[in-house]
């Protein structure tokens, strides 16, 4: 039985997604998908959220958590590559409600976040959001 590293409580599905993203990031630029696009994690990301304090502007993603929910799916946002950004590695095109929570701050919510696909292979175009968290009263 394997345990998640501290602060990274990932389900087996999440570990699989993290492994795919790590492998894609390790690939050289000469590797491409069937449509000739360079392989890499950018083709798997549906939502990207930069989390900051609304007053100081300091990044606050380190202990934040979040979700993305559509009419047909729900998934967690998780940290990858940059500690200041939360990403989800599993997603598809559609319209989502995105929430971000962090201790000491009010919940941040963004409705009607649209994720689209482009090109003949339908590569995801991630929605890039900025969550400026308000301190809790």
N, C-alpha and C. Protein backbone atom coordinates (compact mmCIF):
# COMPACT_ATOMS: atom_id res chain seq x y z
N UNK A 1 0.84 -1.18 0.00
CA UNK A 1 0.00 0.00 0.00
C UNK A 1 0.89 1.24 0.00
N UNK A 2 0.67 2.14 -0.91
CA UNK A 2 1.48 3.35 -0.98
C UNK A 2 0.68 4.53 -0.45
N UNK A 3 1.38 5.44 0.16
CA UNK A 3 0.74 6.63 0.71
C UNK A 3 1.13 7.82 -0.13
N UNK A 4 0.28 8.84 -0.10
CA UNK A 4 0.58 10.07 -0.81
C UNK A 4 1.63 10.85 -0.05
N UNK A 5 2.51 11.55 -0.74
CA UNK A 5 3.45 12.43 -0.05
C UNK A 5 2.68 13.47 0.74
N UNK A 6 3.24 14.00 1.84
CA UNK A 6 2.55 15.01 2.63
C UNK A 6 2.07 16.16 1.74
N UNK A 7 0.81 16.54 1.91
CA UNK A 7 0.25 17.66 1.15
C UNK A 7 -0.20 17.30 -0.25
N UNK A 8 -0.02 16.04 -0.66
CA UNK A 8 -0.43 15.64 -2.01
C UNK A 8 -1.31 14.41 -1.94
N UNK A 9 -2.49 14.55 -1.36
CA UNK A 9 -3.41 13.43 -1.24
C UNK A 9 -4.05 13.19 -2.60
N UNK A 10 -3.44 12.31 -3.39
CA UNK A 10 -3.90 12.06 -4.74
C UNK A 10 -4.47 10.66 -4.85
N UNK A 11 -5.58 10.55 -5.52
CA UNK A 11 -6.17 9.25 -5.79
C UNK A 11 -5.31 8.54 -6.84
N UNK A 12 -5.52 7.22 -7.03
CA UNK A 12 -4.77 6.54 -8.10
C UNK A 12 -4.93 7.22 -9.45
N UNK A 13 -6.12 7.74 -9.73
CA UNK A 13 -6.35 8.46 -10.99
C UNK A 13 -5.46 9.69 -11.07
N UNK A 14 -5.33 10.40 -9.94
CA UNK A 14 -4.51 11.60 -9.88
C UNK A 14 -3.03 11.26 -10.08
N UNK A 15 -2.57 10.16 -9.42
CA UNK A 15 -1.18 9.75 -9.60
C UNK A 15 -0.91 9.43 -11.05
N UNK A 16 -1.87 8.79 -11.71
CA UNK A 16 -1.71 8.49 -13.13
C UNK A 16 -1.59 9.75 -13.96
N UNK A 17 -2.43 10.75 -13.67
CA UNK A 17 -2.38 12.02 -14.40
C UNK A 17 -1.07 12.73 -14.13
N UNK A 18 -0.62 12.71 -12.87
CA UNK A 18 0.65 13.36 -12.53
C UNK A 18 1.81 12.68 -13.24
N UNK A 19 1.75 11.35 -13.33
CA UNK A 19 2.81 10.62 -14.03
C UNK A 19 2.83 10.96 -15.51
N UNK A 20 1.65 11.07 -16.13
CA UNK A 20 1.56 11.43 -17.55
C UNK A 20 2.13 12.82 -17.77
N UNK A 21 1.79 13.77 -16.89
CA UNK A 21 2.30 15.13 -17.03
C UNK A 21 3.81 15.18 -16.83
N UNK A 22 4.31 14.44 -15.85
CA UNK A 22 5.76 14.42 -15.61
C UNK A 22 6.49 13.81 -16.80
N UNK A 23 5.96 12.74 -17.35
CA UNK A 23 6.56 12.11 -18.51
C UNK A 23 6.54 13.05 -19.71
N UNK A 24 5.41 13.71 -19.92
CA UNK A 24 5.30 14.63 -21.06
C UNK A 24 6.27 15.79 -20.90
N UNK A 25 6.46 16.26 -19.67
CA UNK A 25 7.39 17.37 -19.44
C UNK A 25 8.82 16.94 -19.68
N UNK A 26 9.12 15.67 -19.45
CA UNK A 26 10.47 15.18 -19.64
C UNK A 26 10.82 14.92 -21.11
N UNK A 27 9.81 14.83 -21.94
CA UNK A 27 10.04 14.54 -23.36
C UNK A 27 10.73 15.73 -24.04
N UNK A 28 11.54 15.45 -25.01
CA UNK A 28 12.19 16.53 -25.75
C UNK A 28 11.20 17.15 -26.72
N UNK A 29 11.56 18.30 -27.25
CA UNK A 29 10.66 19.00 -28.18
C UNK A 29 10.51 18.27 -29.50
N UNK A 30 11.35 17.27 -29.74
CA UNK A 30 11.24 16.53 -30.99
C UNK A 30 10.10 15.52 -30.96
N UNK A 31 9.56 15.24 -29.76
CA UNK A 31 8.44 14.32 -29.62
C UNK A 31 7.16 15.08 -29.95
N UNK A 32 6.26 14.46 -30.69
CA UNK A 32 5.02 15.15 -31.03
C UNK A 32 3.84 14.21 -30.95
N UNK A 33 2.65 14.80 -30.89
CA UNK A 33 1.43 14.00 -30.88
C UNK A 33 1.11 13.59 -32.31
N UNK A 34 0.06 12.80 -32.53
CA UNK A 34 -0.25 12.34 -33.89
C UNK A 34 -0.50 13.46 -34.90
N UNK A 35 -0.81 14.65 -34.43
CA UNK A 35 -1.06 15.77 -35.34
C UNK A 35 0.16 16.64 -35.56
N UNK A 36 1.31 16.26 -34.97
CA UNK A 36 2.52 17.03 -35.17
C UNK A 36 2.74 18.12 -34.15
N UNK A 37 1.86 18.23 -33.13
CA UNK A 37 2.06 19.22 -32.08
C UNK A 37 3.11 18.70 -31.11
N UNK A 38 3.99 19.57 -30.58
CA UNK A 38 4.95 19.10 -29.59
C UNK A 38 4.22 18.50 -28.40
N UNK A 39 4.69 17.36 -27.92
CA UNK A 39 4.07 16.73 -26.75
C UNK A 39 4.40 17.55 -25.52
N UNK A 40 3.53 17.54 -24.57
CA UNK A 40 3.80 18.24 -23.32
C UNK A 40 2.54 18.43 -22.51
N UNK A 41 2.72 18.83 -21.26
CA UNK A 41 1.59 18.94 -20.36
C UNK A 41 0.57 20.00 -20.77
N UNK A 42 0.99 20.97 -21.59
CA UNK A 42 0.05 22.02 -21.98
C UNK A 42 -1.14 21.47 -22.75
N UNK A 43 -1.04 20.26 -23.29
CA UNK A 43 -2.14 19.70 -24.06
C UNK A 43 -3.12 18.92 -23.20
N UNK A 44 -2.87 18.84 -21.89
CA UNK A 44 -3.74 18.13 -20.97
C UNK A 44 -4.45 19.06 -20.00
N UNK A 45 -3.97 20.28 -19.85
CA UNK A 45 -4.48 21.21 -18.85
C UNK A 45 -5.76 21.87 -19.34
N UNK A 46 -6.81 21.81 -18.52
CA UNK A 46 -8.07 22.45 -18.87
C UNK A 46 -8.22 23.80 -18.17
N UNK A 47 -7.82 23.88 -16.92
CA UNK A 47 -7.96 25.10 -16.13
C UNK A 47 -6.61 25.40 -15.49
N UNK A 48 -6.21 26.66 -15.54
CA UNK A 48 -4.99 27.12 -14.86
C UNK A 48 -5.37 28.32 -14.02
N UNK A 49 -5.09 28.26 -12.72
CA UNK A 49 -5.46 29.34 -11.81
C UNK A 49 -4.22 29.84 -11.08
N UNK A 50 -3.96 31.13 -11.17
CA UNK A 50 -2.92 31.77 -10.38
C UNK A 50 -3.61 32.36 -9.16
N UNK A 51 -3.12 32.02 -7.97
CA UNK A 51 -3.77 32.40 -6.72
C UNK A 51 -2.92 33.43 -6.00
N UNK A 52 -3.51 34.60 -5.70
CA UNK A 52 -2.80 35.66 -4.99
C UNK A 52 -3.68 36.28 -3.91
N UNK A 53 -3.04 36.96 -2.98
CA UNK A 53 -3.73 37.74 -1.96
C UNK A 53 -4.16 39.04 -2.63
N UNK A 54 -5.42 39.42 -2.49
CA UNK A 54 -5.94 40.61 -3.19
C UNK A 54 -5.33 41.91 -2.66
N UNK A 55 -4.83 41.91 -1.44
CA UNK A 55 -4.28 43.13 -0.86
C UNK A 55 -2.78 43.25 -1.12
N UNK A 56 -2.02 42.20 -0.78
CA UNK A 56 -0.56 42.26 -0.91
C UNK A 56 -0.05 41.86 -2.29
N UNK A 57 -0.86 41.07 -3.02
CA UNK A 57 -0.42 40.58 -4.32
C UNK A 57 0.48 39.36 -4.23
N UNK A 58 0.78 38.90 -3.01
CA UNK A 58 1.64 37.73 -2.83
C UNK A 58 0.92 36.47 -3.28
N UNK A 59 1.69 35.52 -3.82
CA UNK A 59 1.09 34.27 -4.25
C UNK A 59 0.65 33.46 -3.04
N UNK A 60 -0.50 32.80 -3.18
CA UNK A 60 -1.10 32.06 -2.07
C UNK A 60 -1.57 30.68 -2.48
N UNK A 61 -1.01 30.11 -3.53
CA UNK A 61 -1.45 28.79 -4.00
C UNK A 61 -0.91 27.67 -3.13
N UNK A 62 0.13 27.94 -2.33
CA UNK A 62 0.80 26.88 -1.59
C UNK A 62 -0.11 26.04 -0.71
N UNK A 63 -1.10 26.61 -0.07
CA UNK A 63 -2.00 25.80 0.76
C UNK A 63 -3.46 25.96 0.32
N UNK A 64 -3.65 26.36 -0.91
CA UNK A 64 -5.00 26.49 -1.46
C UNK A 64 -5.44 25.16 -2.06
N UNK A 65 -6.74 25.00 -2.16
CA UNK A 65 -7.32 23.85 -2.85
C UNK A 65 -8.43 24.38 -3.74
N UNK A 66 -8.88 23.56 -4.68
CA UNK A 66 -9.92 24.04 -5.57
C UNK A 66 -10.61 22.92 -6.31
N UNK A 67 -11.69 23.28 -6.96
CA UNK A 67 -12.44 22.33 -7.77
C UNK A 67 -12.86 22.98 -9.08
N UNK A 68 -13.11 22.13 -10.07
CA UNK A 68 -13.72 22.56 -11.32
C UNK A 68 -14.89 21.61 -11.56
N UNK A 69 -16.07 22.19 -11.80
CA UNK A 69 -17.28 21.40 -11.94
C UNK A 69 -18.03 21.82 -13.19
N UNK A 70 -18.43 20.83 -13.99
CA UNK A 70 -19.28 21.07 -15.15
C UNK A 70 -20.58 20.29 -14.94
N UNK A 71 -21.46 20.34 -15.93
CA UNK A 71 -22.71 19.59 -15.84
C UNK A 71 -22.47 18.09 -15.82
N UNK A 72 -21.33 17.65 -16.35
CA UNK A 72 -21.08 16.21 -16.47
C UNK A 72 -19.88 15.70 -15.68
N UNK A 73 -19.07 16.60 -15.11
CA UNK A 73 -17.86 16.15 -14.42
C UNK A 73 -17.47 17.11 -13.31
N UNK A 74 -16.71 16.58 -12.37
CA UNK A 74 -16.16 17.40 -11.29
C UNK A 74 -14.76 16.87 -11.00
N UNK A 75 -13.82 17.77 -10.77
CA UNK A 75 -12.45 17.36 -10.51
C UNK A 75 -11.79 18.39 -9.60
N UNK A 76 -10.72 17.97 -8.97
CA UNK A 76 -9.96 18.85 -8.09
C UNK A 76 -8.88 19.58 -8.86
N UNK A 77 -8.59 20.78 -8.42
CA UNK A 77 -7.42 21.49 -8.92
C UNK A 77 -6.25 21.04 -8.08
N UNK A 78 -5.07 20.95 -8.68
CA UNK A 78 -3.91 20.49 -7.94
C UNK A 78 -2.66 21.19 -8.43
N UNK A 79 -1.66 21.22 -7.57
CA UNK A 79 -0.41 21.93 -7.86
C UNK A 79 0.50 21.07 -8.73
N UNK A 80 1.08 21.71 -9.72
CA UNK A 80 2.07 21.01 -10.53
C UNK A 80 3.04 22.03 -11.12
N UNK A 81 4.29 21.69 -11.16
CA UNK A 81 5.38 22.49 -11.72
C UNK A 81 5.65 23.78 -10.94
N UNK A 82 4.72 24.69 -10.88
CA UNK A 82 4.94 25.96 -10.19
C UNK A 82 4.12 26.01 -8.91
N UNK A 83 4.73 26.30 -7.77
CA UNK A 83 3.96 26.35 -6.52
C UNK A 83 2.98 27.51 -6.47
N UNK A 84 3.11 28.47 -7.37
CA UNK A 84 2.22 29.63 -7.35
C UNK A 84 0.97 29.42 -8.20
N UNK A 85 0.90 28.33 -8.93
CA UNK A 85 -0.20 28.09 -9.84
C UNK A 85 -0.85 26.76 -9.54
N UNK A 86 -2.18 26.72 -9.59
CA UNK A 86 -2.89 25.47 -9.46
C UNK A 86 -3.36 25.05 -10.84
N UNK A 87 -3.16 23.81 -11.19
CA UNK A 87 -3.57 23.30 -12.48
C UNK A 87 -4.39 22.05 -12.31
N UNK A 88 -5.21 21.73 -13.27
CA UNK A 88 -5.81 20.42 -13.31
C UNK A 88 -5.30 19.71 -14.55
N UNK A 89 -4.86 18.51 -14.41
CA UNK A 89 -4.31 17.78 -15.54
C UNK A 89 -5.35 16.95 -16.26
N UNK A 90 -6.52 16.83 -15.68
CA UNK A 90 -7.57 16.02 -16.30
C UNK A 90 -8.76 16.94 -16.54
N UNK A 91 -9.12 17.10 -17.78
CA UNK A 91 -10.24 17.95 -18.11
C UNK A 91 -10.56 17.83 -19.58
N UNK A 92 -11.65 18.42 -19.97
CA UNK A 92 -12.07 18.40 -21.36
C UNK A 92 -12.72 19.74 -21.66
N UNK A 93 -13.07 19.95 -22.92
CA UNK A 93 -13.74 21.19 -23.27
C UNK A 93 -15.10 21.20 -22.59
N UNK A 94 -15.59 22.38 -22.31
CA UNK A 94 -16.88 22.54 -21.65
C UNK A 94 -16.91 23.82 -20.85
N UNK A 95 -17.98 23.99 -20.10
CA UNK A 95 -18.15 25.17 -19.25
C UNK A 95 -18.11 24.72 -17.80
N UNK A 96 -17.29 25.38 -17.00
CA UNK A 96 -17.04 24.97 -15.63
C UNK A 96 -17.33 26.09 -14.63
N UNK A 97 -17.58 25.69 -13.40
CA UNK A 97 -17.56 26.57 -12.24
C UNK A 97 -16.27 26.21 -11.51
N UNK A 98 -15.43 27.21 -11.25
CA UNK A 98 -14.15 26.98 -10.59
C UNK A 98 -14.19 27.63 -9.22
N UNK A 99 -13.78 26.88 -8.19
CA UNK A 99 -13.71 27.43 -6.84
C UNK A 99 -12.31 27.22 -6.29
N UNK A 100 -11.87 28.18 -5.47
CA UNK A 100 -10.58 28.10 -4.79
C UNK A 100 -10.82 28.41 -3.32
N UNK A 101 -10.27 27.57 -2.46
CA UNK A 101 -10.35 27.76 -1.01
C UNK A 101 -8.96 27.80 -0.43
N UNK A 102 -8.77 28.67 0.56
CA UNK A 102 -7.50 28.71 1.30
C UNK A 102 -7.81 29.19 2.70
N UNK A 103 -7.22 28.53 3.71
CA UNK A 103 -7.46 28.96 5.09
C UNK A 103 -7.15 30.44 5.27
N UNK A 104 -8.05 31.13 5.98
CA UNK A 104 -7.86 32.56 6.25
C UNK A 104 -8.41 33.47 5.16
N UNK A 105 -9.02 32.88 4.12
CA UNK A 105 -9.56 33.65 3.01
C UNK A 105 -10.98 33.22 2.68
N UNK A 106 -11.73 34.15 2.08
CA UNK A 106 -13.07 33.82 1.60
C UNK A 106 -12.94 32.95 0.36
N UNK A 107 -13.93 32.06 0.16
CA UNK A 107 -13.92 31.21 -1.03
C UNK A 107 -14.02 32.09 -2.28
N UNK A 108 -13.22 31.76 -3.29
CA UNK A 108 -13.26 32.45 -4.58
C UNK A 108 -13.97 31.53 -5.57
N UNK A 109 -14.92 32.09 -6.33
CA UNK A 109 -15.68 31.31 -7.30
C UNK A 109 -15.76 32.06 -8.62
N UNK A 110 -15.60 31.34 -9.70
CA UNK A 110 -15.75 31.90 -11.05
C UNK A 110 -16.71 30.98 -11.82
N UNK A 111 -17.84 31.55 -12.26
CA UNK A 111 -18.82 30.80 -13.04
C UNK A 111 -18.54 30.94 -14.53
N UNK A 112 -19.09 30.02 -15.30
CA UNK A 112 -19.07 30.07 -16.77
C UNK A 112 -17.66 30.16 -17.35
N UNK A 113 -16.74 29.36 -16.82
CA UNK A 113 -15.37 29.29 -17.34
C UNK A 113 -15.39 28.32 -18.53
N UNK A 114 -15.04 28.83 -19.71
CA UNK A 114 -15.12 28.03 -20.93
C UNK A 114 -13.75 27.48 -21.31
N UNK A 115 -13.69 26.16 -21.51
CA UNK A 115 -12.50 25.49 -22.00
C UNK A 115 -12.82 24.99 -23.40
N UNK A 116 -11.97 25.32 -24.37
CA UNK A 116 -12.23 24.95 -25.76
C UNK A 116 -11.11 24.06 -26.29
N UNK A 117 -11.32 23.56 -27.47
CA UNK A 117 -10.30 22.79 -28.19
C UNK A 117 -10.01 23.49 -29.50
N UNK A 118 -8.81 23.28 -30.02
CA UNK A 118 -8.42 23.89 -31.27
C UNK A 118 -7.65 22.88 -32.12
N UNK A 119 -7.57 23.14 -33.40
CA UNK A 119 -6.80 22.31 -34.31
C UNK A 119 -7.52 21.03 -34.71
N UNK A 120 -6.95 20.33 -35.67
CA UNK A 120 -7.58 19.13 -36.19
C UNK A 120 -7.60 18.00 -35.17
N UNK A 121 -6.69 18.03 -34.19
CA UNK A 121 -6.67 17.01 -33.14
C UNK A 121 -7.46 17.41 -31.91
N UNK A 122 -7.97 18.61 -31.87
CA UNK A 122 -8.73 19.04 -30.72
C UNK A 122 -7.89 19.23 -29.47
N UNK A 123 -6.78 19.95 -29.59
CA UNK A 123 -5.91 20.25 -28.46
C UNK A 123 -6.62 21.23 -27.54
N UNK A 124 -6.60 20.94 -26.23
CA UNK A 124 -7.25 21.83 -25.26
C UNK A 124 -6.58 23.20 -25.23
N UNK A 125 -7.41 24.23 -25.13
CA UNK A 125 -6.95 25.59 -24.90
C UNK A 125 -7.35 25.90 -23.46
N UNK A 126 -6.42 25.85 -22.52
CA UNK A 126 -6.79 26.01 -21.12
C UNK A 126 -7.32 27.40 -20.80
N UNK A 127 -8.29 27.43 -19.89
CA UNK A 127 -8.78 28.70 -19.36
C UNK A 127 -7.79 29.16 -18.30
N UNK A 128 -7.27 30.37 -18.45
CA UNK A 128 -6.30 30.91 -17.51
C UNK A 128 -7.00 31.95 -16.64
N UNK A 129 -7.01 31.68 -15.33
CA UNK A 129 -7.74 32.52 -14.39
C UNK A 129 -6.80 33.10 -13.34
N UNK A 130 -7.20 34.21 -12.76
CA UNK A 130 -6.47 34.81 -11.66
C UNK A 130 -7.43 34.92 -10.48
N UNK A 131 -7.15 34.15 -9.41
CA UNK A 131 -7.99 34.18 -8.21
C UNK A 131 -7.31 35.11 -7.21
N UNK A 132 -7.90 36.29 -7.04
CA UNK A 132 -7.40 37.26 -6.07
C UNK A 132 -8.23 37.08 -4.80
N UNK A 133 -7.65 36.37 -3.82
CA UNK A 133 -8.38 35.99 -2.62
C UNK A 133 -8.54 37.17 -1.66
N UNK A 134 -9.75 37.28 -1.09
CA UNK A 134 -10.07 38.29 -0.09
C UNK A 134 -9.88 37.69 1.30
N UNK A 135 -9.18 38.37 2.20
CA UNK A 135 -9.03 37.84 3.55
C UNK A 135 -10.40 37.64 4.20
N UNK A 136 -10.49 36.59 5.02
CA UNK A 136 -11.74 36.30 5.73
C UNK A 136 -11.96 37.38 6.80
N UNK A 137 -13.21 37.71 7.05
CA UNK A 137 -13.48 38.72 8.09
C UNK A 137 -13.11 38.25 9.48
